[in-house]
Amino acid sequence: MSLVVAFLVGGPLSVGIGWMVWNFWNSNRLLDSKLKDGDLELLSSTNYKVSEVIRAPAGSRVEKVALQQIPINQDGYIRQTLPDGRIALIPIGLSGQVKSVHSTTHTNQQPPIQ
C-alpha cells in the first residue's frame, strides 16, 4: 500500500520538477537565440524587463559616471583625477577650452610639436 502512495505522490512531483527544469532551460535558450538575432520584440515584451540597451563590443562594461562641475584654478589649469588615482593638471586656454595635451597616462608618448 505504501508503494502505491509513493507513486501517487512522487510521480506527479517528479513530472512537475522535470517540467520546471525543462521550461527554465527552454526559455533561456529562446532568449539567447532572440538576443543573437537582435529581435526588437524583446524591447516591448512583457516577459522581460529591459533597463538599458547598449551596442558595444563583447567584454565591454557600463559604468555610471556622475556629472560634476570641474573647478578651474587661477593658474589656468583643470585638476583632474585619472582612473589610476593620479592627479593631472590640464591647461586651458583663455576661452576656457582645453588645450591639446599629450596623454598623461603613457610615459612613452612624446608631446605634440607646436
N, C-alpha and C. Protein backbone atom coordinates (compact mmCIF):
# COMPACT_ATOMS: atom_id res chain seq x y z
N MET A 1 0.81 -1.19 0.00
CA MET A 1 0.00 0.00 0.00
C MET A 1 0.86 1.26 0.00
N SER A 2 1.94 1.29 0.79
CA SER A 2 2.79 2.48 0.85
C SER A 2 3.50 2.72 -0.48
N LEU A 3 3.74 1.65 -1.25
CA LEU A 3 4.36 1.80 -2.57
C LEU A 3 3.43 2.54 -3.52
N VAL A 4 2.15 2.26 -3.45
CA VAL A 4 1.16 2.92 -4.30
C VAL A 4 1.08 4.40 -3.93
N VAL A 5 1.07 4.72 -2.66
CA VAL A 5 1.02 6.11 -2.20
C VAL A 5 2.29 6.84 -2.64
N ALA A 6 3.44 6.19 -2.57
CA ALA A 6 4.69 6.81 -3.00
C ALA A 6 4.65 7.15 -4.49
N PHE A 7 4.10 6.23 -5.30
CA PHE A 7 3.98 6.51 -6.74
C PHE A 7 2.96 7.60 -7.02
N LEU A 8 1.88 7.63 -6.27
CA LEU A 8 0.85 8.65 -6.47
C LEU A 8 1.36 10.05 -6.10
N VAL A 9 2.22 10.15 -5.10
CA VAL A 9 2.76 11.44 -4.69
C VAL A 9 4.03 11.76 -5.46
N GLY A 10 4.91 10.78 -5.57
CA GLY A 10 6.21 11.01 -6.19
C GLY A 10 6.15 11.19 -7.70
N GLY A 11 5.22 10.49 -8.36
CA GLY A 11 5.11 10.58 -9.82
C GLY A 11 4.79 12.00 -10.28
N PRO A 12 3.67 12.57 -9.82
CA PRO A 12 3.36 13.95 -10.24
C PRO A 12 4.41 14.96 -9.80
N LEU A 13 4.99 14.74 -8.63
CA LEU A 13 6.03 15.65 -8.15
C LEU A 13 7.26 15.60 -9.07
N SER A 14 7.65 14.41 -9.49
CA SER A 14 8.78 14.25 -10.42
C SER A 14 8.48 14.89 -11.77
N VAL A 15 7.26 14.68 -12.26
CA VAL A 15 6.87 15.29 -13.54
C VAL A 15 6.87 16.82 -13.43
N GLY A 16 6.38 17.34 -12.32
CA GLY A 16 6.35 18.80 -12.11
C GLY A 16 7.75 19.40 -12.06
N ILE A 17 8.65 18.77 -11.34
CA ILE A 17 10.03 19.26 -11.27
C ILE A 17 10.70 19.17 -12.62
N GLY A 18 10.49 18.06 -13.32
CA GLY A 18 11.06 17.90 -14.67
C GLY A 18 10.55 18.96 -15.62
N TRP A 19 9.24 19.27 -15.56
CA TRP A 19 8.68 20.30 -16.44
C TRP A 19 9.26 21.68 -16.11
N MET A 20 9.45 21.99 -14.81
CA MET A 20 10.02 23.29 -14.43
C MET A 20 11.46 23.43 -14.93
N VAL A 21 12.26 22.37 -14.81
CA VAL A 21 13.65 22.41 -15.29
C VAL A 21 13.67 22.60 -16.80
N TRP A 22 12.83 21.85 -17.53
CA TRP A 22 12.79 21.97 -18.99
C TRP A 22 12.32 23.37 -19.39
N ASN A 23 11.31 23.91 -18.71
CA ASN A 23 10.78 25.23 -19.04
C ASN A 23 11.84 26.30 -18.82
N PHE A 24 12.59 26.23 -17.73
CA PHE A 24 13.65 27.19 -17.46
C PHE A 24 14.74 27.10 -18.54
N TRP A 25 15.16 25.90 -18.87
CA TRP A 25 16.19 25.70 -19.90
C TRP A 25 15.71 26.22 -21.25
N ASN A 26 14.47 25.88 -21.62
CA ASN A 26 13.93 26.28 -22.92
C ASN A 26 13.77 27.79 -23.02
N SER A 27 13.31 28.46 -21.96
CA SER A 27 13.14 29.92 -22.02
C SER A 27 14.49 30.62 -22.13
N ASN A 28 15.52 30.10 -21.45
CA ASN A 28 16.86 30.67 -21.60
C ASN A 28 17.40 30.46 -23.00
N ARG A 29 17.14 29.30 -23.58
CA ARG A 29 17.59 29.02 -24.95
C ARG A 29 16.90 29.96 -25.95
N LEU A 30 15.60 30.17 -25.78
CA LEU A 30 14.86 31.07 -26.67
C LEU A 30 15.34 32.51 -26.52
N LEU A 31 15.60 32.94 -25.28
CA LEU A 31 16.09 34.30 -25.05
C LEU A 31 17.45 34.49 -25.70
N ASP A 32 18.35 33.52 -25.56
CA ASP A 32 19.67 33.62 -26.18
C ASP A 32 19.56 33.73 -27.69
N SER A 33 18.67 32.94 -28.29
CA SER A 33 18.54 33.00 -29.75
C SER A 33 17.93 34.33 -30.19
N LYS A 34 16.98 34.88 -29.41
CA LYS A 34 16.39 36.18 -29.75
C LYS A 34 17.43 37.29 -29.62
N LEU A 35 18.27 37.22 -28.58
CA LEU A 35 19.32 38.23 -28.41
C LEU A 35 20.34 38.14 -29.55
N LYS A 36 20.69 36.92 -29.94
CA LYS A 36 21.66 36.75 -31.01
C LYS A 36 21.11 37.28 -32.34
N ASP A 37 19.80 37.10 -32.56
CA ASP A 37 19.18 37.56 -33.79
C ASP A 37 18.83 39.04 -33.75
N GLY A 38 18.94 39.68 -32.58
CA GLY A 38 18.60 41.10 -32.46
C GLY A 38 17.12 41.35 -32.57
N ASP A 39 16.31 40.49 -31.99
CA ASP A 39 14.85 40.60 -32.06
C ASP A 39 14.38 41.85 -31.33
N LEU A 40 13.77 42.78 -32.05
CA LEU A 40 13.31 44.04 -31.45
C LEU A 40 12.06 43.87 -30.60
N GLU A 41 11.36 42.74 -30.73
CA GLU A 41 10.18 42.50 -29.90
C GLU A 41 10.54 42.35 -28.43
N LEU A 42 11.80 42.05 -28.13
CA LEU A 42 12.23 41.94 -26.73
C LEU A 42 12.08 43.27 -25.99
N LEU A 43 12.21 44.39 -26.72
CA LEU A 43 12.12 45.70 -26.08
C LEU A 43 10.72 46.00 -25.57
N SER A 44 9.70 45.46 -26.25
CA SER A 44 8.33 45.74 -25.84
C SER A 44 7.66 44.54 -25.19
N SER A 45 8.39 43.46 -24.96
CA SER A 45 7.83 42.25 -24.37
C SER A 45 7.51 42.46 -22.90
N THR A 46 6.41 41.87 -22.44
CA THR A 46 6.06 41.95 -21.03
C THR A 46 6.77 40.88 -20.21
N ASN A 47 7.40 39.91 -20.87
CA ASN A 47 8.10 38.83 -20.16
C ASN A 47 9.46 39.25 -19.64
N TYR A 48 10.05 40.28 -20.24
CA TYR A 48 11.40 40.70 -19.90
C TYR A 48 11.41 42.17 -19.52
N LYS A 49 12.23 42.52 -18.53
CA LYS A 49 12.39 43.92 -18.13
C LYS A 49 13.69 44.42 -18.75
N VAL A 50 13.59 45.40 -19.63
CA VAL A 50 14.76 45.97 -20.28
C VAL A 50 15.07 47.29 -19.58
N SER A 51 16.23 47.36 -18.94
CA SER A 51 16.59 48.58 -18.24
C SER A 51 17.51 49.46 -19.06
N GLU A 52 18.28 48.86 -19.99
CA GLU A 52 19.23 49.65 -20.76
C GLU A 52 19.59 48.87 -22.02
N VAL A 53 19.74 49.58 -23.12
CA VAL A 53 20.12 48.95 -24.38
C VAL A 53 21.45 49.53 -24.80
N ILE A 54 22.43 48.67 -25.00
CA ILE A 54 23.78 49.11 -25.34
C ILE A 54 24.30 48.28 -26.49
N ARG A 55 24.89 48.93 -27.48
CA ARG A 55 25.59 48.22 -28.54
C ARG A 55 27.07 48.47 -28.31
N ALA A 56 27.78 47.44 -27.94
CA ALA A 56 29.20 47.57 -27.64
C ALA A 56 29.88 46.24 -27.95
N PRO A 57 31.19 46.26 -28.14
CA PRO A 57 31.92 45.01 -28.38
C PRO A 57 31.81 44.06 -27.19
N ALA A 58 31.99 42.79 -27.47
CA ALA A 58 31.94 41.78 -26.40
C ALA A 58 32.99 42.09 -25.34
N GLY A 59 32.63 41.92 -24.09
CA GLY A 59 33.54 42.19 -23.00
C GLY A 59 33.48 43.61 -22.48
N SER A 60 32.70 44.48 -23.13
CA SER A 60 32.57 45.86 -22.67
C SER A 60 31.75 45.88 -21.39
N ARG A 61 31.92 46.94 -20.62
CA ARG A 61 31.13 47.09 -19.41
C ARG A 61 30.65 48.53 -19.30
N VAL A 62 29.60 48.70 -18.55
CA VAL A 62 28.99 50.02 -18.38
C VAL A 62 29.27 50.48 -16.96
N GLU A 63 29.76 51.70 -16.85
CA GLU A 63 30.00 52.29 -15.54
C GLU A 63 29.21 53.59 -15.46
N LYS A 64 28.50 53.76 -14.38
CA LYS A 64 27.75 55.01 -14.20
C LYS A 64 28.72 56.08 -13.74
N VAL A 65 28.71 57.20 -14.43
CA VAL A 65 29.60 58.31 -14.11
C VAL A 65 28.74 59.51 -13.75
N ALA A 66 28.98 60.06 -12.59
CA ALA A 66 28.24 61.24 -12.16
C ALA A 66 28.86 62.48 -12.80
N LEU A 67 28.00 63.31 -13.39
CA LEU A 67 28.48 64.55 -13.97
C LEU A 67 28.79 65.53 -12.85
N GLN A 68 29.90 66.20 -12.97
CA GLN A 68 30.28 67.15 -11.94
C GLN A 68 30.87 68.41 -12.57
N GLN A 69 30.74 69.50 -11.88
CA GLN A 69 31.33 70.75 -12.31
C GLN A 69 32.82 70.70 -12.03
N ILE A 70 33.64 70.95 -13.04
CA ILE A 70 35.08 70.90 -12.87
C ILE A 70 35.58 72.30 -12.50
N PRO A 71 36.18 72.43 -11.32
CA PRO A 71 36.68 73.75 -10.92
C PRO A 71 37.96 74.11 -11.68
N ILE A 72 38.06 75.36 -12.09
CA ILE A 72 39.24 75.86 -12.79
C ILE A 72 39.97 76.78 -11.83
N ASN A 73 41.26 76.49 -11.61
CA ASN A 73 42.01 77.35 -10.69
C ASN A 73 42.53 78.58 -11.42
N GLN A 74 43.15 79.50 -10.69
CA GLN A 74 43.56 80.78 -11.26
C GLN A 74 44.75 80.66 -12.20
N ASP A 75 45.51 79.59 -12.11
CA ASP A 75 46.68 79.43 -12.97
C ASP A 75 46.32 78.94 -14.37
N GLY A 76 45.06 78.68 -14.66
CA GLY A 76 44.64 78.23 -15.98
C GLY A 76 44.72 76.72 -16.16
N TYR A 77 44.53 75.97 -15.09
CA TYR A 77 44.57 74.52 -15.16
C TYR A 77 43.30 73.93 -14.58
N ILE A 78 42.91 72.78 -15.10
CA ILE A 78 41.81 72.00 -14.53
C ILE A 78 42.45 70.82 -13.81
N ARG A 79 42.08 70.63 -12.56
CA ARG A 79 42.60 69.49 -11.80
C ARG A 79 41.70 68.30 -12.09
N GLN A 80 42.27 67.22 -12.60
CA GLN A 80 41.50 66.04 -12.99
C GLN A 80 42.12 64.80 -12.34
N THR A 81 41.31 63.95 -11.74
CA THR A 81 41.78 62.69 -11.18
C THR A 81 41.71 61.62 -12.26
N LEU A 82 42.84 60.97 -12.52
CA LEU A 82 42.92 59.93 -13.54
C LEU A 82 42.39 58.61 -13.00
N PRO A 83 42.01 57.67 -13.90
CA PRO A 83 41.46 56.39 -13.44
C PRO A 83 42.38 55.61 -12.51
N ASP A 84 43.70 55.79 -12.63
CA ASP A 84 44.62 55.06 -11.76
C ASP A 84 44.87 55.78 -10.44
N GLY A 85 44.19 56.93 -10.20
CA GLY A 85 44.29 57.64 -8.93
C GLY A 85 45.21 58.83 -8.94
N ARG A 86 46.04 58.98 -9.98
CA ARG A 86 46.94 60.14 -10.03
C ARG A 86 46.15 61.39 -10.36
N ILE A 87 46.73 62.54 -10.07
CA ILE A 87 46.12 63.84 -10.35
C ILE A 87 46.82 64.44 -11.55
N ALA A 88 46.04 64.97 -12.51
CA ALA A 88 46.60 65.64 -13.67
C ALA A 88 46.10 67.08 -13.69
N LEU A 89 46.98 68.01 -14.02
CA LEU A 89 46.60 69.41 -14.22
C LEU A 89 46.57 69.64 -15.72
N ILE A 90 45.39 69.90 -16.27
CA ILE A 90 45.21 70.07 -17.71
C ILE A 90 45.10 71.55 -18.01
N PRO A 91 46.01 72.08 -18.87
CA PRO A 91 45.96 73.51 -19.17
C PRO A 91 44.76 73.87 -20.03
N ILE A 92 44.20 75.05 -19.77
CA ILE A 92 43.10 75.55 -20.59
C ILE A 92 43.51 76.87 -21.20
N GLY A 93 42.88 77.20 -22.32
CA GLY A 93 43.17 78.46 -22.99
C GLY A 93 42.38 79.60 -22.38
N LEU A 94 42.53 80.79 -22.95
CA LEU A 94 41.83 81.97 -22.44
C LEU A 94 40.32 81.85 -22.61
N SER A 95 39.88 81.11 -23.64
CA SER A 95 38.45 80.99 -23.90
C SER A 95 37.80 79.90 -23.05
N GLY A 96 38.59 79.22 -22.22
CA GLY A 96 38.03 78.17 -21.39
C GLY A 96 38.08 76.81 -22.05
N GLN A 97 38.62 76.72 -23.26
CA GLN A 97 38.73 75.44 -23.95
C GLN A 97 40.00 74.72 -23.52
N VAL A 98 39.94 73.41 -23.40
CA VAL A 98 41.11 72.62 -23.03
C VAL A 98 42.08 72.60 -24.20
N LYS A 99 43.35 72.90 -23.91
CA LYS A 99 44.37 72.88 -24.95
C LYS A 99 44.70 71.44 -25.31
N SER A 100 45.25 71.21 -26.49
CA SER A 100 45.68 69.88 -26.91
C SER A 100 46.88 69.48 -26.06
N VAL A 101 46.74 68.35 -25.36
CA VAL A 101 47.76 67.89 -24.45
C VAL A 101 48.06 66.43 -24.75
N HIS A 102 49.33 66.04 -24.66
CA HIS A 102 49.64 64.63 -24.85
C HIS A 102 49.14 63.83 -23.65
N SER A 103 49.04 62.52 -23.83
CA SER A 103 48.47 61.65 -22.81
C SER A 103 49.29 61.70 -21.53
N THR A 104 48.59 61.79 -20.39
CA THR A 104 49.29 61.79 -19.10
C THR A 104 49.37 60.39 -18.52
N THR A 105 48.77 59.41 -19.18
CA THR A 105 48.80 58.05 -18.62
C THR A 105 49.89 57.19 -19.26
N HIS A 106 50.46 57.60 -20.38
CA HIS A 106 51.50 56.83 -21.03
C HIS A 106 52.78 57.67 -21.06
N THR A 107 53.84 57.14 -20.44
CA THR A 107 55.08 57.90 -20.34
C THR A 107 55.95 57.80 -21.59
N ASN A 108 55.65 56.86 -22.48
CA ASN A 108 56.48 56.71 -23.68
C ASN A 108 55.98 57.57 -24.84
N GLN A 109 54.96 58.37 -24.63
CA GLN A 109 54.38 59.19 -25.69
C GLN A 109 54.98 60.60 -25.61
N GLN A 110 55.43 61.11 -26.74
CA GLN A 110 56.05 62.44 -26.78
C GLN A 110 54.96 63.49 -26.98
N PRO A 111 55.12 64.69 -26.41
CA PRO A 111 54.13 65.75 -26.62
C PRO A 111 54.13 66.19 -28.06
N PRO A 112 52.98 66.67 -28.56
CA PRO A 112 52.91 67.12 -29.95
C PRO A 112 53.80 68.35 -30.19
N ILE A 113 54.34 68.46 -31.39
CA ILE A 113 55.17 69.60 -31.76
C ILE A 113 54.25 70.77 -32.10
N GLN A 114 54.50 71.92 -31.47
CA GLN A 114 53.62 73.07 -31.69
C GLN A 114 54.33 74.18 -32.39
